[in-house]
Amino acid sequence: MSCISQKGDAACVAVRVQPRSSKPGIAGRYGEQVKICLKSAPVDNAANKECCQLLAKALGVTRSSVSVMNGQTSRSKVLKVEGMMPSELREALAHVLGDDAEAGA
């Protein structure tokens, strides 16, 4: 999964968000990014907060360990997950996305 990289002691993941979705959650892949559907509108940082909350819940980490590193005002973002190595993030996302082939890689 090439959407994952390392930045210091944190893992980063490239995501594509879809605000104002009727079904919020991690929806799968969008090219080389992970697609996250959000209920919030992109107003007053609400979509960024919801995006971080959804990813944190899916990965089983605290909300404070996930932050937007790049793309504050864009649909394409890079989220930083503190305290996780890229291999751990890759495995967790593969499990969430139901991609068993990636989980073992």
PDB file of N, CA and C in Angstrom:
ATOM      1  N   MET A   1       0.864  -1.165   0.000  1.00  0.00           N
ATOM      2  CA  MET A   1       0.000   0.000   0.000  1.00  0.00           C
ATOM      3  C   MET A   1       0.907   1.224   0.000  1.00  0.00           C
ATOM      4  N   SER A   2       1.048   1.865  -1.147  1.00  0.00           N
ATOM      5  CA  SER A   2       2.010   2.958  -1.282  1.00  0.00           C
ATOM      6  C   SER A   2       1.512   4.284  -0.714  1.00  0.00           C
ATOM      7  N   CYS A   3       0.327   4.305  -0.138  1.00  0.00           N
ATOM      8  CA  CYS A   3      -0.193   5.540   0.457  1.00  0.00           C
ATOM      9  C   CYS A   3       0.359   5.753   1.864  1.00  0.00           C
ATOM     10  N   ILE A   4       1.215   4.850   2.328  1.00  0.00           N
ATOM     11  CA  ILE A   4       1.747   4.920   3.693  1.00  0.00           C
ATOM     12  C   ILE A   4       3.232   5.268   3.668  1.00  0.00           C
ATOM     13  N   SER A   5       3.627   6.181   4.544  1.00  0.00           N
ATOM     14  CA  SER A   5       5.030   6.575   4.642  1.00  0.00           C
ATOM     15  C   SER A   5       5.376   6.804   6.116  1.00  0.00           C
ATOM     16  N   GLN A   6       6.627   7.156   6.362  1.00  0.00           N
ATOM     17  CA  GLN A   6       7.073   7.404   7.732  1.00  0.00           C
ATOM     18  C   GLN A   6       7.574   8.831   7.850  1.00  0.00           C
ATOM     19  N   LYS A   7       7.245   9.470   8.953  1.00  0.00           N
ATOM     20  CA  LYS A   7       7.718  10.820   9.254  1.00  0.00           C
ATOM     21  C   LYS A   7       8.148  10.830  10.713  1.00  0.00           C
ATOM     22  N   GLY A   8       9.440  10.736  10.952  1.00  0.00           N
ATOM     23  CA  GLY A   8       9.944  10.669  12.323  1.00  0.00           C
ATOM     24  C   GLY A   8       9.493   9.387  12.995  1.00  0.00           C
ATOM     25  N   ASP A   9       8.851   9.513  14.154  1.00  0.00           N
ATOM     26  CA  ASP A   9       8.372   8.330  14.877  1.00  0.00           C
ATOM     27  C   ASP A   9       6.891   8.059  14.606  1.00  0.00           C
ATOM     28  N   ALA A  10       6.372   8.625  13.526  1.00  0.00           N
ATOM     29  CA  ALA A  10       4.957   8.447  13.191  1.00  0.00           C
ATOM     30  C   ALA A  10       4.808   7.885  11.782  1.00  0.00           C
ATOM     31  N   ALA A  11       3.682   7.240  11.555  1.00  0.00           N
ATOM     32  CA  ALA A  11       3.333   6.762  10.219  1.00  0.00           C
ATOM     33  C   ALA A  11       2.354   7.753   9.609  1.00  0.00           C
ATOM     34  N   CYS A  12       2.421   7.915   8.296  1.00  0.00           N
ATOM     35  CA  CYS A  12       1.532   8.831   7.592  1.00  0.00           C
ATOM     36  C   CYS A  12       0.762   8.060   6.530  1.00  0.00           C
ATOM     37  N   VAL A  13      -0.467   8.490   6.285  1.00  0.00           N
ATOM     38  CA  VAL A  13      -1.295   7.846   5.274  1.00  0.00           C
ATOM     39  C   VAL A  13      -1.964   8.926   4.429  1.00  0.00           C
ATOM     40  N   ALA A  14      -1.941   8.727   3.110  1.00  0.00           N
ATOM     41  CA  ALA A  14      -2.604   9.640   2.182  1.00  0.00           C
ATOM     42  C   ALA A  14      -4.068   9.238   2.073  1.00  0.00           C
ATOM     43  N   VAL A  15      -4.953  10.207   2.263  1.00  0.00           N
ATOM     44  CA  VAL A  15      -6.387   9.932   2.206  1.00  0.00           C
ATOM     45  C   VAL A  15      -7.070  10.901   1.250  1.00  0.00           C
ATOM     46  N   ARG A  16      -8.222  10.490   0.785  1.00  0.00           N
ATOM     47  CA  ARG A  16      -9.105  11.332  -0.032  1.00  0.00           C
ATOM     48  C   ARG A  16     -10.440  11.369   0.692  1.00  0.00           C
ATOM     49  N   VAL A  17     -10.893  12.560   1.069  1.00  0.00           N
ATOM     50  CA  VAL A  17     -12.133  12.663   1.825  1.00  0.00           C
ATOM     51  C   VAL A  17     -13.298  13.062   0.931  1.00  0.00           C
ATOM     52  N   GLN A  18     -14.472  12.597   1.306  1.00  0.00           N
ATOM     53  CA  GLN A  18     -15.708  12.972   0.627  1.00  0.00           C
ATOM     54  C   GLN A  18     -16.650  13.549   1.681  1.00  0.00           C
ATOM     55  N   PRO A  19     -16.704  14.885   1.785  1.00  0.00           N
ATOM     56  CA  PRO A  19     -17.582  15.499   2.781  1.00  0.00           C
ATOM     57  C   PRO A  19     -19.055  15.342   2.411  1.00  0.00           C
ATOM     58  N   ARG A  20     -19.919  15.554   3.383  1.00  0.00           N
ATOM     59  CA  ARG A  20     -21.379  15.504   3.211  1.00  0.00           C
ATOM     60  C   ARG A  20     -21.861  14.161   2.680  1.00  0.00           C
ATOM     61  N   SER A  21     -21.269  13.104   3.147  1.00  0.00           N
ATOM     62  CA  SER A  21     -21.670  11.757   2.736  1.00  0.00           C
ATOM     63  C   SER A  21     -22.774  11.248   3.658  1.00  0.00           C
ATOM     64  N   SER A  22     -23.667  10.438   3.102  1.00  0.00           N
ATOM     65  CA  SER A  22     -24.742   9.877   3.929  1.00  0.00           C
ATOM     66  C   SER A  22     -24.254   8.688   4.752  1.00  0.00           C
ATOM     67  N   LYS A  23     -23.127   8.082   4.350  1.00  0.00           N
ATOM     68  CA  LYS A  23     -22.575   6.927   5.066  1.00  0.00           C
ATOM     69  C   LYS A  23     -21.123   7.199   5.439  1.00  0.00           C
ATOM     70  N   PRO A  24     -20.888   7.806   6.607  1.00  0.00           N
ATOM     71  CA  PRO A  24     -19.504   8.090   7.002  1.00  0.00           C
ATOM     72  C   PRO A  24     -18.729   6.824   7.354  1.00  0.00           C
ATOM     73  N   GLY A  25     -17.437   6.854   7.048  1.00  0.00           N
ATOM     74  CA  GLY A  25     -16.559   5.735   7.379  1.00  0.00           C
ATOM     75  C   GLY A  25     -15.464   5.577   6.348  1.00  0.00           C
ATOM     76  N   ILE A  26     -14.618   4.594   6.547  1.00  0.00           N
ATOM     77  CA  ILE A  26     -13.561   4.298   5.587  1.00  0.00           C
ATOM     78  C   ILE A  26     -14.186   3.475   4.474  1.00  0.00           C
ATOM     79  N   ALA A  27     -14.154   4.033   3.264  1.00  0.00           N
ATOM     80  CA  ALA A  27     -14.913   3.471   2.152  1.00  0.00           C
ATOM     81  C   ALA A  27     -14.094   2.583   1.223  1.00  0.00           C
ATOM     82  N   GLY A  28     -12.792   2.549   1.385  1.00  0.00           N
ATOM     83  CA  GLY A  28     -11.965   1.732   0.494  1.00  0.00           C
ATOM     84  C   GLY A  28     -10.796   2.532  -0.039  1.00  0.00           C
ATOM     85  N   ARG A  29     -10.444   2.236  -1.268  1.00  0.00           N
ATOM     86  CA  ARG A  29      -9.306   2.922  -1.886  1.00  0.00           C
ATOM     87  C   ARG A  29      -9.782   3.894  -2.944  1.00  0.00           C
ATOM     88  N   TYR A  30      -8.979   4.913  -3.152  1.00  0.00           N
ATOM     89  CA  TYR A  30      -9.210   5.901  -4.202  1.00  0.00           C
ATOM     90  C   TYR A  30      -7.858   6.088  -4.870  1.00  0.00           C
ATOM     91  N   GLY A  31      -7.573   5.281  -5.871  1.00  0.00           N
ATOM     92  CA  GLY A  31      -6.244   5.281  -6.478  1.00  0.00           C
ATOM     93  C   GLY A  31      -5.214   4.823  -5.467  1.00  0.00           C
ATOM     94  N   GLU A  32      -4.245   5.661  -5.177  1.00  0.00           N
ATOM     95  CA  GLU A  32      -3.198   5.348  -4.200  1.00  0.00           C
ATOM     96  C   GLU A  32      -3.504   5.940  -2.828  1.00  0.00           C
ATOM     97  N   GLN A  33      -4.758   6.320  -2.601  1.00  0.00           N
ATOM     98  CA  GLN A  33      -5.162   6.899  -1.323  1.00  0.00           C
ATOM     99  C   GLN A  33      -6.248   6.043  -0.689  1.00  0.00           C
ATOM    100  N   VAL A  34      -6.482   6.265   0.584  1.00  0.00           N
ATOM    101  CA  VAL A  34      -7.587   5.628   1.298  1.00  0.00           C
ATOM    102  C   VAL A  34      -8.745   6.618   1.285  1.00  0.00           C
ATOM    103  N   LYS A  35      -9.919   6.154   0.867  1.00  0.00           N
ATOM    104  CA  LYS A  35     -11.085   7.039   0.794  1.00  0.00           C
ATOM    105  C   LYS A  35     -11.846   7.007   2.111  1.00  0.00           C
ATOM    106  N   ILE A  36     -12.115   8.203   2.640  1.00  0.00           N
ATOM    107  CA  ILE A  36     -12.871   8.342   3.882  1.00  0.00           C
ATOM    108  C   ILE A  36     -14.079   9.235   3.615  1.00  0.00           C
ATOM    109  N   CYS A  37     -15.269   8.705   3.840  1.00  0.00           N
ATOM    110  CA  CYS A  37     -16.506   9.465   3.673  1.00  0.00           C
ATOM    111  C   CYS A  37     -16.869  10.128   4.998  1.00  0.00           C
ATOM    112  N   LEU A  38     -17.205  11.398   4.920  1.00  0.00           N
ATOM    113  CA  LEU A  38     -17.495  12.192   6.113  1.00  0.00           C
ATOM    114  C   LEU A  38     -18.911  12.742   6.066  1.00  0.00           C
ATOM    115  N   LYS A  39     -19.552  12.797   7.200  1.00  0.00           N
ATOM    116  CA  LYS A  39     -20.880  13.398   7.290  1.00  0.00           C
ATOM    117  C   LYS A  39     -20.769  14.922   7.324  1.00  0.00           C
ATOM    118  N   SER A  40     -19.704  15.423   7.913  1.00  0.00           N
ATOM    119  CA  SER A  40     -19.502  16.868   8.090  1.00  0.00           C
ATOM    120  C   SER A  40     -19.264  17.584   6.771  1.00  0.00           C
ATOM    121  N   ALA A  41     -19.624  18.855   6.769  1.00  0.00           N
ATOM    122  CA  ALA A  41     -19.281  19.739   5.657  1.00  0.00           C
ATOM    123  C   ALA A  41     -17.882  20.301   5.921  1.00  0.00           C
ATOM    124  N   PRO A  42     -17.183  20.700   4.867  1.00  0.00           N
ATOM    125  CA  PRO A  42     -15.834  21.249   5.064  1.00  0.00           C
ATOM    126  C   PRO A  42     -15.872  22.700   5.553  1.00  0.00           C
ATOM    127  N   VAL A  43     -16.432  22.899   6.739  1.00  0.00           N
ATOM    128  CA  VAL A  43     -16.587  24.235   7.313  1.00  0.00           C
ATOM    129  C   VAL A  43     -16.045  24.221   8.743  1.00  0.00           C
ATOM    130  N   ASP A  44     -15.297  25.254   9.097  1.00  0.00           N
ATOM    131  CA  ASP A  44     -14.770  25.415  10.460  1.00  0.00           C
ATOM    132  C   ASP A  44     -14.003  24.188  10.954  1.00  0.00           C
ATOM    133  N   ASN A  45     -13.247  23.556  10.080  1.00  0.00           N
ATOM    134  CA  ASN A  45     -12.392  22.420  10.430  1.00  0.00           C
ATOM    135  C   ASN A  45     -13.170  21.169  10.856  1.00  0.00           C
ATOM    136  N   ALA A  46     -14.487  21.171  10.687  1.00  0.00           N
ATOM    137  CA  ALA A  46     -15.312  20.035  11.120  1.00  0.00           C
ATOM    138  C   ALA A  46     -14.966  18.760  10.359  1.00  0.00           C
ATOM    139  N   ALA A  47     -14.735  18.875   9.052  1.00  0.00           N
ATOM    140  CA  ALA A  47     -14.417  17.689   8.254  1.00  0.00           C
ATOM    141  C   ALA A  47     -13.065  17.106   8.659  1.00  0.00           C
ATOM    142  N   ASN A  48     -12.081  17.952   8.923  1.00  0.00           N
ATOM    143  CA  ASN A  48     -10.769  17.462   9.354  1.00  0.00           C
ATOM    144  C   ASN A  48     -10.866  16.731  10.686  1.00  0.00           C
ATOM    145  N   LYS A  49     -11.635  17.285  11.613  1.00  0.00           N
ATOM    146  CA  LYS A  49     -11.808  16.642  12.922  1.00  0.00           C
ATOM    147  C   LYS A  49     -12.487  15.289  12.777  1.00  0.00           C
ATOM    148  N   GLU A  50     -13.550  15.238  11.965  1.00  0.00           N
ATOM    149  CA  GLU A  50     -14.257  13.973  11.774  1.00  0.00           C
ATOM    150  C   GLU A  50     -13.364  12.946  11.083  1.00  0.00           C
ATOM    151  N   CYS A  51     -12.569  13.398  10.118  1.00  0.00           N
ATOM    152  CA  CYS A  51     -11.651  12.508   9.406  1.00  0.00           C
ATOM    153  C   CYS A  51     -10.672  11.860  10.388  1.00  0.00           C
ATOM    154  N   CYS A  52     -10.095  12.652  11.263  1.00  0.00           N
ATOM    155  CA  CYS A  52      -9.154  12.131  12.261  1.00  0.00           C
ATOM    156  C   CYS A  52      -9.847  11.181  13.235  1.00  0.00           C
ATOM    157  N   GLN A  53     -11.069  11.520  13.633  1.00  0.00           N
ATOM    158  CA  GLN A  53     -11.824  10.661  14.554  1.00  0.00           C
ATOM    159  C   GLN A  53     -12.128   9.310  13.924  1.00  0.00           C
ATOM    160  N   LEU A  54     -12.566   9.319  12.662  1.00  0.00           N
ATOM    161  CA  LEU A  54     -12.905   8.063  11.987  1.00  0.00           C
ATOM    162  C   LEU A  54     -11.682   7.165  11.823  1.00  0.00           C
ATOM    163  N   LEU A  55     -10.553   7.759  11.425  1.00  0.00           N
ATOM    164  CA  LEU A  55      -9.343   6.957  11.249  1.00  0.00           C
ATOM    165  C   LEU A  55      -8.861   6.417  12.594  1.00  0.00           C
ATOM    166  N   ALA A  56      -8.895   7.243  13.626  1.00  0.00           N
ATOM    167  CA  ALA A  56      -8.461   6.799  14.957  1.00  0.00           C
ATOM    168  C   ALA A  56      -9.316   5.631  15.440  1.00  0.00           C
ATOM    169  N   LYS A  57     -10.613   5.733  15.270  1.00  0.00           N
ATOM    170  CA  LYS A  57     -11.513   4.662  15.702  1.00  0.00           C
ATOM    171  C   LYS A  57     -11.241   3.379  14.919  1.00  0.00           C
ATOM    172  N   ALA A  58     -11.049   3.504  13.607  1.00  0.00           N
ATOM    173  CA  ALA A  58     -10.796   2.329  12.772  1.00  0.00           C
ATOM    174  C   ALA A  58      -9.481   1.646  13.135  1.00  0.00           C
ATOM    175  N   LEU A  59      -8.484   2.437  13.521  1.00  0.00           N
ATOM    176  CA  LEU A  59      -7.166   1.887  13.854  1.00  0.00           C
ATOM    177  C   LEU A  59      -7.051   1.475  15.314  1.00  0.00           C
ATOM    178  N   GLY A  60      -8.007   1.881  16.132  1.00  0.00           N
ATOM    179  CA  GLY A  60      -7.959   1.554  17.553  1.00  0.00           C
ATOM    180  C   GLY A  60      -6.944   2.368  18.325  1.00  0.00           C
ATOM    181  N   VAL A  61      -6.741   3.618  17.899  1.00  0.00           N
ATOM    182  CA  VAL A  61      -5.816   4.515  18.597  1.00  0.00           C
ATOM    183  C   VAL A  61      -6.610   5.709  19.127  1.00  0.00           C
ATOM    184  N   THR A  62      -5.979   6.515  19.966  1.00  0.00           N
ATOM    185  CA  THR A  62      -6.666   7.686  20.504  1.00  0.00           C
ATOM    186  C   THR A  62      -6.808   8.761  19.434  1.00  0.00           C
ATOM    187  N   ARG A  63      -7.826   9.569  19.569  1.00  0.00           N
ATOM    188  CA  ARG A  63      -8.084  10.652  18.614  1.00  0.00           C
ATOM    189  C   ARG A  63      -6.902  11.622  18.577  1.00  0.00           C
ATOM    190  N   SER A  64      -6.273  11.851  19.714  1.00  0.00           N
ATOM    191  CA  SER A  64      -5.165  12.807  19.780  1.00  0.00           C
ATOM    192  C   SER A  64      -3.913  12.324  19.051  1.00  0.00           C
ATOM    193  N   SER A  65      -3.837  11.043  18.728  1.00  0.00           N
ATOM    194  CA  SER A  65      -2.658  10.534  18.024  1.00  0.00           C
ATOM    195  C   SER A  65      -2.770  10.685  16.507  1.00  0.00           C
ATOM    196  N   VAL A  66      -3.921  11.128  16.011  1.00  0.00           N
ATOM    197  CA  VAL A  66      -4.122  11.313  14.567  1.00  0.00           C
ATOM    198  C   VAL A  66      -4.310  12.798  14.282  1.00  0.00           C
ATOM    199  N   SER A  67      -3.538  13.314  13.320  1.00  0.00           N
ATOM    200  CA  SER A  67      -3.650  14.729  12.960  1.00  0.00           C
ATOM    201  C   SER A  67      -3.451  14.908  11.460  1.00  0.00           C
ATOM    202  N   VAL A  68      -3.940  16.036  10.947  1.00  0.00           N
ATOM    203  CA  VAL A  68      -3.762  16.364   9.532  1.00  0.00           C
ATOM    204  C   VAL A  68      -2.392  17.008   9.380  1.00  0.00           C
ATOM    205  N   MET A  69      -1.544  16.373   8.581  1.00  0.00           N
ATOM    206  CA  MET A  69      -0.200  16.891   8.364  1.00  0.00           C
ATOM    207  C   MET A  69      -0.174  17.832   7.153  1.00  0.00           C
ATOM    208  N   ASN A  70      -0.816  17.425   6.071  1.00  0.00           N
ATOM    209  CA  ASN A  70      -0.901  18.221   4.842  1.00  0.00           C
ATOM    210  C   ASN A  70      -2.336  18.189   4.333  1.00  0.00           C
ATOM    211  N   GLY A  71      -2.747  19.261   3.652  1.00  0.00           N
ATOM    212  CA  GLY A  71      -4.046  19.278   2.998  1.00  0.00           C
ATOM    213  C   GLY A  71      -5.192  19.754   3.862  1.00  0.00           C
ATOM    214  N   GLN A  72      -4.947  20.711   4.735  1.00  0.00           N
ATOM    215  CA  GLN A  72      -5.996  21.221   5.629  1.00  0.00           C
ATOM    216  C   GLN A  72      -7.262  21.625   4.875  1.00  0.00           C
ATOM    217  N   THR A  73      -7.119  22.225   3.693  1.00  0.00           N
ATOM    218  CA  THR A  73      -8.282  22.716   2.949  1.00  0.00           C
ATOM    219  C   THR A  73      -8.525  21.953   1.656  1.00  0.00           C
ATOM    220  N   SER A  74      -7.927  20.798   1.526  1.00  0.00           N
ATOM    221  CA  SER A  74      -8.049  19.993   0.311  1.00  0.00           C
ATOM    222  C   SER A  74      -8.766  18.683   0.607  1.00  0.00           C
ATOM    223  N   ARG A  75      -9.321  18.074  -0.425  1.00  0.00           N
ATOM    224  CA  ARG A  75      -9.909  16.743  -0.244  1.00  0.00           C
ATOM    225  C   ARG A  75      -8.823  15.679  -0.117  1.00  0.00           C
ATOM    226  N   SER A  76      -7.672  15.938  -0.711  1.00  0.00           N
ATOM    227  CA  SER A  76      -6.531  15.029  -0.582  1.00  0.00           C
ATOM    228  C   SER A  76      -5.700  15.488   0.608  1.00  0.00           C
ATOM    229  N   LYS A  77      -5.507  14.599   1.565  1.00  0.00           N
ATOM    230  CA  LYS A  77      -4.822  14.943   2.804  1.00  0.00           C
ATOM    231  C   LYS A  77      -3.773  13.891   3.146  1.00  0.00           C
ATOM    232  N   VAL A  78      -2.846  14.259   3.995  1.00  0.00           N
ATOM    233  CA  VAL A  78      -1.921  13.306   4.593  1.00  0.00           C
ATOM    234  C   VAL A  78      -2.161  13.373   6.096  1.00  0.00           C
ATOM    235  N   LEU A  79      -2.549  12.231   6.665  1.00  0.00           N
ATOM    236  CA  LEU A  79      -2.803  12.148   8.102  1.00  0.00           C
ATOM    237  C   LEU A  79      -1.624  11.471   8.783  1.00  0.00           C
ATOM    238  N   LYS A  80      -1.224  12.017   9.918  1.00  0.00           N
ATOM    239  CA  LYS A  80      -0.107  11.467  10.687  1.00  0.00           C
ATOM    240  C   LYS A  80      -0.675  10.704  11.874  1.00  0.00           C
ATOM    241  N   VAL A  81      -0.182   9.468  12.067  1.00  0.00           N
ATOM    242  CA  VAL A  81      -0.610   8.631  13.183  1.00  0.00           C
ATOM    243  C   VAL A  81       0.596   8.437  14.101  1.00  0.00           C
ATOM    244  N   GLU A  82       0.580   9.123  15.239  1.00  0.00           N
ATOM    245  CA  GLU A  82       1.688   9.062  16.199  1.00  0.00           C
ATOM    246  C   GLU A  82       1.747   7.688  16.866  1.00  0.00           C
ATOM    247  N   GLY A  83       2.959   7.223  17.097  1.00  0.00           N
ATOM    248  CA  GLY A  83       3.150   5.979  17.838  1.00  0.00           C
ATOM    249  C   GLY A  83       2.896   4.711  17.044  1.00  0.00           C
ATOM    250  N   MET A  84       2.793   4.824  15.732  1.00  0.00           N
ATOM    251  CA  MET A  84       2.575   3.655  14.883  1.00  0.00           C
ATOM    252  C   MET A  84       3.646   3.625  13.806  1.00  0.00           C
ATOM    253  N   MET A  85       4.197   2.462  13.572  1.00  0.00           N
ATOM    254  CA  MET A  85       5.157   2.284  12.489  1.00  0.00           C
ATOM    255  C   MET A  85       4.381   2.056  11.192  1.00  0.00           C
ATOM    256  N   PRO A  86       4.979   2.374  10.039  1.00  0.00           N
ATOM    257  CA  PRO A  86       4.285   2.159   8.771  1.00  0.00           C
ATOM    258  C   PRO A  86       3.799   0.721   8.578  1.00  0.00           C
ATOM    259  N   SER A  87       4.580  -0.255   9.022  1.00  0.00           N
ATOM    260  CA  SER A  87       4.162  -1.657   8.865  1.00  0.00           C
ATOM    261  C   SER A  87       2.911  -1.952   9.688  1.00  0.00           C
ATOM    262  N   GLU A  88       2.822  -1.369  10.887  1.00  0.00           N
ATOM    263  CA  GLU A  88       1.636  -1.554  11.732  1.00  0.00           C
ATOM    264  C   GLU A  88       0.415  -0.876  11.112  1.00  0.00           C
ATOM    265  N   LEU A  89       0.624   0.321  10.571  1.00  0.00           N
ATOM    266  CA  LEU A  89      -0.468   1.049   9.928  1.00  0.00           C
ATOM    267  C   LEU A  89      -0.943   0.309   8.688  1.00  0.00           C
ATOM    268  N   ARG A  90      -0.001  -0.196   7.912  1.00  0.00           N
ATOM    269  CA  ARG A  90      -0.340  -0.952   6.700  1.00  0.00           C
ATOM    270  C   ARG A  90      -1.198  -2.170   7.051  1.00  0.00           C
ATOM    271  N   GLU A  91      -0.798  -2.894   8.081  1.00  0.00           N
ATOM    272  CA  GLU A  91      -1.536  -4.088   8.495  1.00  0.00           C
ATOM    273  C   GLU A  91      -2.928  -3.732   9.023  1.00  0.00           C
ATOM    274  N   ALA A  92      -3.013  -2.674   9.827  1.00  0.00           N
ATOM    275  CA  ALA A  92      -4.306  -2.256  10.380  1.00  0.00           C
ATOM    276  C   ALA A  92      -5.256  -1.798   9.276  1.00  0.00           C
ATOM    277  N   LEU A  93      -4.745  -1.026   8.324  1.00  0.00           N
ATOM    278  CA  LEU A  93      -5.594  -0.563   7.222  1.00  0.00           C
ATOM    279  C   LEU A  93      -6.019  -1.715   6.321  1.00  0.00           C
ATOM    280  N   ALA A  94      -5.117  -2.656   6.088  1.00  0.00           N
ATOM    281  CA  ALA A  94      -5.475  -3.819   5.273  1.00  0.00           C
ATOM    282  C   ALA A  94      -6.612  -4.588   5.932  1.00  0.00           C
ATOM    283  N   HIS A  95      -6.573  -4.687   7.254  1.00  0.00           N
ATOM    284  CA  HIS A  95      -7.646  -5.365   7.991  1.00  0.00           C
ATOM    285  C   HIS A  95      -8.962  -4.593   7.856  1.00  0.00           C
ATOM    286  N   VAL A  96      -8.899  -3.268   8.010  1.00  0.00           N
ATOM    287  CA  VAL A  96     -10.096  -2.424   7.903  1.00  0.00           C
ATOM    288  C   VAL A  96     -10.678  -2.486   6.493  1.00  0.00           C
ATOM    289  N   LEU A  97      -9.796  -2.484   5.489  1.00  0.00           N
ATOM    290  CA  LEU A  97     -10.243  -2.501   4.099  1.00  0.00           C
ATOM    291  C   LEU A  97     -10.599  -3.903   3.616  1.00  0.00           C
ATOM    292  N   GLY A  98     -10.314  -4.912   4.444  1.00  0.00           N
ATOM    293  CA  GLY A  98     -10.619  -6.290   4.058  1.00  0.00           C
ATOM    294  C   GLY A  98      -9.674  -6.831   3.007  1.00  0.00           C
ATOM    295  N   ASP A  99      -8.444  -6.341   2.990  1.00  0.00           N
ATOM    296  CA  ASP A  99      -7.450  -6.762   2.008  1.00  0.00           C
ATOM    297  C   ASP A  99      -6.438  -7.683   2.682  1.00  0.00           C
ATOM    298  N   ASP A 100      -6.734  -8.971   2.708  1.00  0.00           N
ATOM    299  CA  ASP A 100      -5.878  -9.939   3.398  1.00  0.00           C
ATOM    300  C   ASP A 100      -4.502 -10.065   2.766  1.00  0.00           C
ATOM    301  N   ALA A 101      -4.390  -9.832   1.459  1.00  0.00           N
ATOM    302  CA  ALA A 101      -3.099  -9.945   0.789  1.00  0.00           C
ATOM    303  C   ALA A 101      -2.130  -8.889   1.318  1.00  0.00           C
ATOM    304  N   GLU A 102      -2.624  -7.677   1.593  1.00  0.00           N
ATOM    305  CA  GLU A 102      -1.777  -6.603   2.118  1.00  0.00           C
ATOM    306  C   GLU A 102      -1.424  -6.837   3.579  1.00  0.00           C
ATOM    307  N   ALA A 103      -2.294  -7.491   4.316  1.00  0.00           N
ATOM    308  CA  ALA A 103      -2.074  -7.693   5.750  1.00  0.00           C
ATOM    309  C   ALA A 103      -0.823  -8.511   6.013  1.00  0.00           C
ATOM    310  N   GLY A 104      -0.526  -9.449   5.150  1.00  0.00           N
ATOM    311  CA  GLY A 104       0.644 -10.288   5.345  1.00  0.00           C
ATOM    312  C   GLY A 104       1.911  -9.695   4.789  1.00  0.00           C
ATOM    313  N   ALA A 105       1.822  -8.625   4.004  1.00  0.00           N
ATOM    314  CA  ALA A 105       2.990  -8.045   3.343  1.00  0.00           C
ATOM    315  C   ALA A 105       3.819  -7.213   4.282  1.00  0.00           C
TER     316      ALA A 105
END
